[in-house]
N, C-alpha and C. Protein backbone atom coordinates (compact mmCIF):
# COMPACT_ATOMS: atom_id res chain seq x y z
N MET A 1 179.43 90.08 57.83
CA MET A 1 180.72 90.70 57.65
C MET A 1 180.66 91.77 56.56
N GLN A 2 179.89 91.48 55.48
CA GLN A 2 179.75 92.43 54.39
C GLN A 2 179.08 93.71 54.88
N LYS A 3 178.11 93.58 55.77
CA LYS A 3 177.41 94.75 56.31
C LYS A 3 178.38 95.60 57.11
N PHE A 4 179.28 94.96 57.85
CA PHE A 4 180.24 95.70 58.66
C PHE A 4 181.19 96.48 57.74
N ILE A 5 181.67 95.86 56.69
CA ILE A 5 182.58 96.51 55.74
C ILE A 5 181.85 97.67 55.05
N LEU A 6 180.61 97.45 54.65
CA LEU A 6 179.81 98.48 54.01
C LEU A 6 179.61 99.67 54.96
N LEU A 7 179.31 99.37 56.21
CA LEU A 7 179.10 100.42 57.24
C LEU A 7 180.42 101.20 57.44
N ALA A 8 181.55 100.50 57.52
CA ALA A 8 182.85 101.16 57.72
C ALA A 8 183.16 102.09 56.54
N VAL A 9 182.93 101.62 55.33
CA VAL A 9 183.16 102.44 54.13
C VAL A 9 182.26 103.65 54.15
N ALA A 10 180.98 103.49 54.53
CA ALA A 10 180.06 104.62 54.59
C ALA A 10 180.50 105.64 55.63
N ILE A 11 180.97 105.20 56.78
CA ILE A 11 181.44 106.13 57.82
C ILE A 11 182.66 106.91 57.34
N VAL A 12 183.61 106.23 56.75
CA VAL A 12 184.81 106.89 56.26
C VAL A 12 184.47 107.88 55.16
N ALA A 13 183.59 107.47 54.26
CA ALA A 13 183.18 108.37 53.16
C ALA A 13 182.44 109.58 53.72
N GLY A 14 181.56 109.38 54.68
CA GLY A 14 180.82 110.46 55.28
C GLY A 14 181.74 111.42 56.00
N TYR A 15 182.71 110.91 56.72
CA TYR A 15 183.68 111.78 57.41
C TYR A 15 184.50 112.55 56.41
N ALA A 16 184.93 111.86 55.36
CA ALA A 16 185.76 112.53 54.34
C ALA A 16 185.01 113.69 53.72
N TYR A 17 183.69 113.54 53.54
CA TYR A 17 182.92 114.61 52.92
C TYR A 17 182.41 115.61 53.97
N LEU A 18 181.71 115.15 54.97
CA LEU A 18 181.11 116.05 55.94
C LEU A 18 182.05 116.46 57.06
N GLY A 19 183.00 115.61 57.39
CA GLY A 19 183.90 115.91 58.48
C GLY A 19 184.98 116.89 58.11
N ASN A 20 185.16 117.15 56.84
CA ASN A 20 186.19 118.08 56.39
C ASN A 20 185.54 119.45 56.20
N PRO A 21 185.86 120.42 57.05
CA PRO A 21 185.22 121.73 56.96
C PRO A 21 185.56 122.48 55.68
N TYR A 22 186.57 122.04 54.91
CA TYR A 22 186.98 122.75 53.73
C TYR A 22 186.27 122.27 52.48
N THR A 23 185.51 121.17 52.57
CA THR A 23 184.82 120.63 51.42
C THR A 23 183.81 121.60 50.87
N LEU A 24 183.06 122.25 51.74
CA LEU A 24 181.98 123.12 51.29
C LEU A 24 182.41 124.57 51.17
N ILE A 25 183.55 124.94 51.77
CA ILE A 25 183.99 126.33 51.75
C ILE A 25 185.48 126.38 51.34
N PRO A 26 185.77 126.32 50.01
CA PRO A 26 187.13 126.26 49.55
C PRO A 26 187.98 127.44 50.01
N ASP A 27 187.42 128.66 50.07
CA ASP A 27 188.20 129.82 50.46
C ASP A 27 188.71 129.70 51.90
N ARG A 28 187.97 129.00 52.72
CA ARG A 28 188.35 128.84 54.12
C ARG A 28 189.65 128.05 54.25
N LEU A 29 189.90 127.14 53.32
CA LEU A 29 191.13 126.37 53.34
C LEU A 29 192.35 127.28 53.23
N GLN A 30 192.29 128.19 52.29
CA GLN A 30 193.43 129.10 52.07
C GLN A 30 193.62 129.98 53.31
N TYR A 31 192.55 130.53 53.84
CA TYR A 31 192.65 131.42 55.01
C TYR A 31 193.20 130.64 56.21
N SER A 32 192.62 129.47 56.44
CA SER A 32 193.06 128.65 57.57
C SER A 32 194.53 128.25 57.43
N THR A 33 194.94 127.89 56.24
CA THR A 33 196.33 127.50 56.02
C THR A 33 197.25 128.67 56.33
N LEU A 34 196.92 129.88 55.89
CA LEU A 34 197.73 131.06 56.19
C LEU A 34 197.76 131.31 57.68
N SER A 35 196.61 131.18 58.33
CA SER A 35 196.56 131.41 59.77
C SER A 35 197.38 130.36 60.52
N GLU A 36 197.31 129.11 60.10
CA GLU A 36 198.10 128.07 60.72
C GLU A 36 199.58 128.33 60.52
N ARG A 37 199.96 128.76 59.32
CA ARG A 37 201.37 129.07 59.06
C ARG A 37 201.83 130.18 59.97
N GLN A 38 201.00 131.22 60.16
CA GLN A 38 201.40 132.33 61.03
C GLN A 38 201.56 131.85 62.46
N ASN A 39 200.66 131.00 62.92
CA ASN A 39 200.78 130.44 64.26
C ASN A 39 202.06 129.64 64.40
N ASP A 40 202.41 128.86 63.37
CA ASP A 40 203.65 128.11 63.40
C ASP A 40 204.86 129.05 63.47
N THR A 41 204.83 130.13 62.67
CA THR A 41 205.92 131.10 62.69
C THR A 41 206.02 131.76 64.03
N ASP A 42 204.88 132.16 64.61
CA ASP A 42 204.91 132.80 65.92
C ASP A 42 205.48 131.83 66.98
N ALA A 43 205.10 130.57 66.87
CA ALA A 43 205.61 129.55 67.81
C ALA A 43 207.12 129.37 67.61
N THR A 44 207.57 129.35 66.39
CA THR A 44 209.00 129.22 66.12
C THR A 44 209.76 130.41 66.70
N LEU A 45 209.22 131.61 66.54
CA LEU A 45 209.88 132.80 67.08
C LEU A 45 209.81 132.84 68.59
N ALA A 46 208.74 132.37 69.18
CA ALA A 46 208.64 132.28 70.65
C ALA A 46 209.70 131.32 71.18
N ASP A 47 209.87 130.20 70.50
CA ASP A 47 210.89 129.22 70.89
C ASP A 47 212.28 129.82 70.72
N ALA A 48 212.52 130.53 69.64
CA ALA A 48 213.81 131.16 69.40
C ALA A 48 214.13 132.17 70.50
N PHE A 49 213.12 132.93 70.93
CA PHE A 49 213.33 133.90 71.98
C PHE A 49 213.61 133.18 73.31
N SER A 50 212.78 132.20 73.65
CA SER A 50 212.93 131.48 74.94
C SER A 50 214.28 130.77 75.04
N ASN A 51 214.78 130.29 73.91
CA ASN A 51 216.01 129.53 73.91
C ASN A 51 217.22 130.30 73.39
N ARG A 52 217.06 131.62 73.28
CA ARG A 52 218.16 132.53 72.89
C ARG A 52 218.87 132.07 71.61
N LYS A 53 218.05 131.73 70.62
CA LYS A 53 218.63 131.25 69.36
C LYS A 53 219.17 132.38 68.51
N ARG A 54 220.11 132.02 67.67
CA ARG A 54 220.73 132.97 66.74
C ARG A 54 220.86 132.31 65.38
N ASN A 55 221.06 133.15 64.36
CA ASN A 55 221.29 132.66 62.99
C ASN A 55 220.17 131.75 62.50
N LEU A 56 218.93 132.10 62.82
CA LEU A 56 217.78 131.30 62.44
C LEU A 56 217.03 131.99 61.30
N GLN A 57 216.88 131.34 60.15
CA GLN A 57 216.15 131.90 59.03
C GLN A 57 214.67 131.80 59.35
N VAL A 58 213.95 132.91 59.31
CA VAL A 58 212.52 132.94 59.65
C VAL A 58 211.75 133.80 58.65
N SER A 59 210.46 133.59 58.61
CA SER A 59 209.58 134.48 57.87
C SER A 59 208.25 134.55 58.61
N GLY A 60 207.54 135.62 58.45
CA GLY A 60 206.27 135.79 59.13
C GLY A 60 205.66 137.13 58.80
N GLU A 61 204.77 137.57 59.68
CA GLU A 61 204.15 138.88 59.48
C GLU A 61 203.82 139.51 60.82
N GLY A 62 203.72 140.80 60.81
CA GLY A 62 203.40 141.54 62.00
C GLY A 62 202.87 142.92 61.67
N VAL A 63 202.65 143.69 62.72
CA VAL A 63 202.15 145.06 62.56
C VAL A 63 203.20 146.02 63.13
N VAL A 64 203.49 147.06 62.39
CA VAL A 64 204.47 148.05 62.81
C VAL A 64 203.93 148.80 64.03
N THR A 65 204.71 148.76 65.12
CA THR A 65 204.31 149.45 66.35
C THR A 65 205.13 150.71 66.60
N LYS A 66 206.32 150.77 66.00
CA LYS A 66 207.16 151.95 66.22
C LYS A 66 208.16 152.09 65.09
N LEU A 67 208.30 153.28 64.58
CA LEU A 67 209.33 153.60 63.57
C LEU A 67 210.51 154.21 64.34
N LEU A 68 211.69 153.73 64.03
CA LEU A 68 212.90 154.21 64.70
C LEU A 68 213.75 155.00 63.73
N PRO A 69 214.63 155.83 64.20
CA PRO A 69 215.54 156.54 63.28
C PRO A 69 216.43 155.52 62.56
N ASP A 70 216.81 155.89 61.34
CA ASP A 70 217.73 155.01 60.60
C ASP A 70 219.05 154.92 61.36
N ASP A 71 219.66 153.76 61.26
CA ASP A 71 221.00 153.54 61.80
C ASP A 71 221.97 153.84 60.68
N ASN A 72 222.76 154.88 60.81
CA ASN A 72 223.67 155.30 59.75
C ASN A 72 225.11 154.97 60.05
N ASP A 73 225.39 154.20 61.10
CA ASP A 73 226.73 153.76 61.41
C ASP A 73 227.07 152.52 60.59
N GLY A 74 228.11 152.60 59.80
CA GLY A 74 228.44 151.48 58.92
C GLY A 74 227.40 151.34 57.84
N SER A 75 226.95 150.13 57.57
CA SER A 75 225.86 149.92 56.60
C SER A 75 224.59 150.57 57.16
N ARG A 76 223.90 151.31 56.32
CA ARG A 76 222.70 152.00 56.77
C ARG A 76 221.53 151.02 56.87
N HIS A 77 220.73 151.15 57.93
CA HIS A 77 219.56 150.30 58.13
C HIS A 77 218.34 151.08 58.52
N GLN A 78 217.22 150.79 57.87
CA GLN A 78 215.93 151.30 58.28
C GLN A 78 215.50 150.39 59.41
N LYS A 79 215.07 150.99 60.55
CA LYS A 79 214.73 150.19 61.72
C LYS A 79 213.33 150.51 62.19
N PHE A 80 212.61 149.45 62.55
CA PHE A 80 211.27 149.62 63.10
C PHE A 80 210.93 148.36 63.92
N ILE A 81 209.93 148.53 64.77
CA ILE A 81 209.51 147.42 65.63
C ILE A 81 208.16 146.94 65.16
N ILE A 82 208.02 145.61 65.13
CA ILE A 82 206.72 145.03 64.79
C ILE A 82 206.26 144.15 65.94
N ALA A 83 204.96 143.96 66.01
CA ALA A 83 204.37 143.02 66.97
C ALA A 83 203.76 141.88 66.20
N LEU A 84 204.07 140.67 66.62
CA LEU A 84 203.47 139.48 66.04
C LEU A 84 202.09 139.29 66.63
N ARG A 85 201.31 138.43 66.05
CA ARG A 85 199.98 138.12 66.57
C ARG A 85 200.06 137.63 68.03
N SER A 86 201.17 136.94 68.35
CA SER A 86 201.36 136.40 69.71
C SER A 86 201.64 137.48 70.73
N GLY A 87 202.00 138.67 70.28
CA GLY A 87 202.35 139.77 71.18
C GLY A 87 203.85 139.98 71.26
N GLN A 88 204.65 139.00 70.82
CA GLN A 88 206.09 139.16 70.81
C GLN A 88 206.45 140.30 69.87
N THR A 89 207.48 141.06 70.25
CA THR A 89 207.95 142.16 69.37
C THR A 89 209.28 141.75 68.74
N LEU A 90 209.51 142.31 67.58
CA LEU A 90 210.78 142.10 66.86
C LEU A 90 211.27 143.44 66.32
N LEU A 91 212.55 143.64 66.39
CA LEU A 91 213.16 144.76 65.72
C LEU A 91 213.52 144.32 64.32
N ILE A 92 213.09 145.04 63.33
CA ILE A 92 213.47 144.76 61.93
C ILE A 92 214.57 145.76 61.59
N ALA A 93 215.72 145.22 61.12
CA ALA A 93 216.85 146.05 60.69
C ALA A 93 217.07 145.77 59.21
N HIS A 94 216.60 146.64 58.36
CA HIS A 94 216.56 146.45 56.92
C HIS A 94 217.67 147.28 56.25
N ASN A 95 218.63 146.61 55.66
CA ASN A 95 219.81 147.28 55.07
C ASN A 95 219.38 148.10 53.84
N ILE A 96 219.47 149.41 53.98
CA ILE A 96 219.05 150.29 52.88
C ILE A 96 220.21 150.72 51.98
N ASP A 97 221.38 150.12 52.22
CA ASP A 97 222.47 150.25 51.25
C ASP A 97 222.34 149.16 50.19
N LEU A 98 221.65 148.06 50.52
CA LEU A 98 221.49 146.96 49.59
C LEU A 98 220.07 146.79 49.04
N ALA A 99 219.12 147.41 49.71
CA ALA A 99 217.71 147.29 49.28
C ALA A 99 217.03 148.63 49.41
N LEU A 100 215.94 148.78 48.73
CA LEU A 100 215.18 150.04 48.83
C LEU A 100 214.59 150.24 50.21
N ARG A 101 214.59 151.48 50.64
CA ARG A 101 213.94 151.89 51.88
C ARG A 101 212.43 151.85 51.65
N ILE A 102 211.68 151.47 52.67
CA ILE A 102 210.20 151.49 52.55
C ILE A 102 209.74 152.88 53.01
N SER A 103 209.65 153.78 52.06
CA SER A 103 209.38 155.18 52.41
C SER A 103 207.94 155.41 52.88
N SER A 104 207.01 154.54 52.48
CA SER A 104 205.60 154.72 52.85
C SER A 104 205.25 154.05 54.17
N LEU A 105 206.19 153.41 54.84
CA LEU A 105 205.93 152.65 56.07
C LEU A 105 205.48 153.58 57.20
N LYS A 106 204.39 153.14 57.88
CA LYS A 106 203.92 153.92 59.04
C LYS A 106 203.41 153.01 60.12
N LYS A 107 203.28 153.54 61.31
CA LYS A 107 202.78 152.80 62.46
C LYS A 107 201.39 152.23 62.14
N GLY A 108 201.17 150.98 62.49
CA GLY A 108 199.89 150.33 62.23
C GLY A 108 199.85 149.54 60.94
N ASP A 109 200.87 149.68 60.11
CA ASP A 109 200.93 148.94 58.82
C ASP A 109 201.26 147.47 59.07
N ALA A 110 200.66 146.60 58.28
CA ALA A 110 201.01 145.20 58.26
C ALA A 110 202.24 145.03 57.38
N ILE A 111 203.11 144.12 57.78
CA ILE A 111 204.31 143.84 57.00
C ILE A 111 204.68 142.38 57.11
N GLN A 112 205.10 141.82 56.00
CA GLN A 112 205.59 140.44 55.99
C GLN A 112 207.12 140.51 55.88
N PHE A 113 207.78 139.50 56.43
CA PHE A 113 209.24 139.54 56.47
C PHE A 113 209.84 138.16 56.27
N SER A 114 211.06 138.16 55.78
CA SER A 114 211.88 136.95 55.73
C SER A 114 213.30 137.43 55.96
N GLY A 115 213.96 136.82 56.94
CA GLY A 115 215.31 137.22 57.25
C GLY A 115 215.89 136.32 58.33
N GLN A 116 216.98 136.80 58.91
CA GLN A 116 217.71 136.02 59.91
C GLN A 116 217.38 136.56 61.29
N TYR A 117 216.96 135.67 62.18
CA TYR A 117 216.61 136.03 63.56
C TYR A 117 217.86 135.96 64.44
N GLU A 118 217.99 136.98 65.29
CA GLU A 118 219.04 137.02 66.31
C GLU A 118 218.37 137.39 67.62
N TRP A 119 218.64 136.61 68.67
CA TRP A 119 218.03 136.85 69.96
C TRP A 119 218.51 138.16 70.57
N ASN A 120 217.62 138.85 71.24
CA ASN A 120 217.96 139.92 72.18
C ASN A 120 216.88 139.92 73.26
N GLU A 121 217.13 140.63 74.34
CA GLU A 121 216.20 140.57 75.51
C GLU A 121 214.84 141.21 75.25
N LYS A 122 214.69 141.90 74.16
CA LYS A 122 213.40 142.58 73.88
C LYS A 122 212.51 141.81 72.91
N GLY A 123 212.95 140.64 72.47
CA GLY A 123 212.12 139.85 71.56
C GLY A 123 212.89 139.32 70.38
N GLY A 124 213.92 140.02 69.98
CA GLY A 124 214.77 139.58 68.89
C GLY A 124 214.86 140.60 67.78
N VAL A 125 215.84 140.37 66.91
CA VAL A 125 216.08 141.21 65.74
C VAL A 125 216.01 140.33 64.49
N VAL A 126 215.39 140.86 63.47
CA VAL A 126 215.43 140.19 62.16
C VAL A 126 216.20 141.10 61.22
N HIS A 127 217.27 140.55 60.65
CA HIS A 127 218.06 141.29 59.68
C HIS A 127 218.28 140.40 58.46
N TRP A 128 219.11 140.79 57.54
CA TRP A 128 219.28 140.07 56.25
C TRP A 128 217.93 140.01 55.54
N THR A 129 217.21 141.13 55.56
CA THR A 129 215.90 141.24 54.89
C THR A 129 216.11 141.80 53.46
N HIS A 130 217.15 141.33 52.82
CA HIS A 130 217.54 141.82 51.50
C HIS A 130 218.32 140.73 50.78
N HIS A 131 218.65 140.99 49.54
CA HIS A 131 219.48 140.03 48.78
C HIS A 131 220.90 140.10 49.30
N ASP A 132 221.66 139.08 49.01
CA ASP A 132 223.08 139.05 49.34
C ASP A 132 223.86 139.18 48.03
N PRO A 133 224.54 140.32 47.84
CA PRO A 133 225.25 140.50 46.57
C PRO A 133 226.36 139.48 46.37
N ASN A 134 226.85 138.83 47.43
CA ASN A 134 227.88 137.82 47.31
C ASN A 134 227.30 136.42 47.08
N GLY A 135 226.00 136.28 47.27
CA GLY A 135 225.34 134.98 47.07
C GLY A 135 225.70 133.96 48.13
N SER A 136 226.22 134.38 49.29
CA SER A 136 226.63 133.41 50.30
C SER A 136 225.60 133.30 51.44
N HIS A 137 224.52 134.05 51.38
CA HIS A 137 223.49 134.03 52.41
C HIS A 137 222.13 133.93 51.77
N VAL A 138 221.21 133.33 52.48
CA VAL A 138 219.83 133.23 52.01
C VAL A 138 219.28 134.64 51.82
N ALA A 139 218.68 134.92 50.71
CA ALA A 139 218.11 136.23 50.44
C ALA A 139 216.84 136.43 51.25
N GLY A 140 216.74 137.51 51.95
CA GLY A 140 215.54 137.85 52.70
C GLY A 140 214.75 138.91 51.96
N TRP A 141 213.65 139.35 52.53
CA TRP A 141 212.81 140.35 51.92
C TRP A 141 211.81 140.91 52.95
N LEU A 142 211.24 142.04 52.61
CA LEU A 142 210.11 142.63 53.30
C LEU A 142 209.02 142.85 52.27
N LYS A 143 207.77 142.67 52.68
CA LYS A 143 206.64 142.92 51.77
C LYS A 143 205.69 143.88 52.46
N HIS A 144 205.44 145.01 51.81
CA HIS A 144 204.59 146.06 52.36
C HIS A 144 203.67 146.56 51.24
N ASN A 145 202.38 146.54 51.50
CA ASN A 145 201.38 147.00 50.51
C ASN A 145 201.59 146.34 49.16
N GLY A 146 201.88 145.04 49.17
CA GLY A 146 202.02 144.30 47.93
C GLY A 146 203.35 144.42 47.22
N GLN A 147 204.23 145.27 47.71
CA GLN A 147 205.55 145.45 47.08
C GLN A 147 206.63 144.76 47.90
N ILE A 148 207.51 144.07 47.21
CA ILE A 148 208.61 143.36 47.88
C ILE A 148 209.86 144.23 47.83
N TYR A 149 210.51 144.31 48.98
CA TYR A 149 211.76 145.08 49.11
C TYR A 149 212.86 144.09 49.46
N GLN A 150 213.87 143.95 48.56
CA GLN A 150 214.97 143.05 48.85
C GLN A 150 216.24 143.51 48.15
């Protein structure tokens, strides 16, 4: 019985050390975790699109595929389309009356976002990518080239 317990402990210890791919490569843990988070975000947004969800707080990252003219009706918004790793597209509507415009943004740029998702037939819209001066809404943001816009 002692040999069985010793063998079981040795197997568990061996798996804990050798079976964990992050033991020998610590940097891989951080990269994998970020990649897994992005996959989770893409899955959440795919579900939101499939189920026509609204008022969903999301964050993620994508690549700018198209810059659109600013929307100057009512509150002004900088608008652009991004593609997620999954291929889903999102319209980003960033209020430039409440937050700085991203003047250096161009097609092909990576961008991270946090805001409120609203369903539409083209993939969805993310807005509230800025602070709320009234403090009644979750503050969103955009991150481009290391700078946060909110």
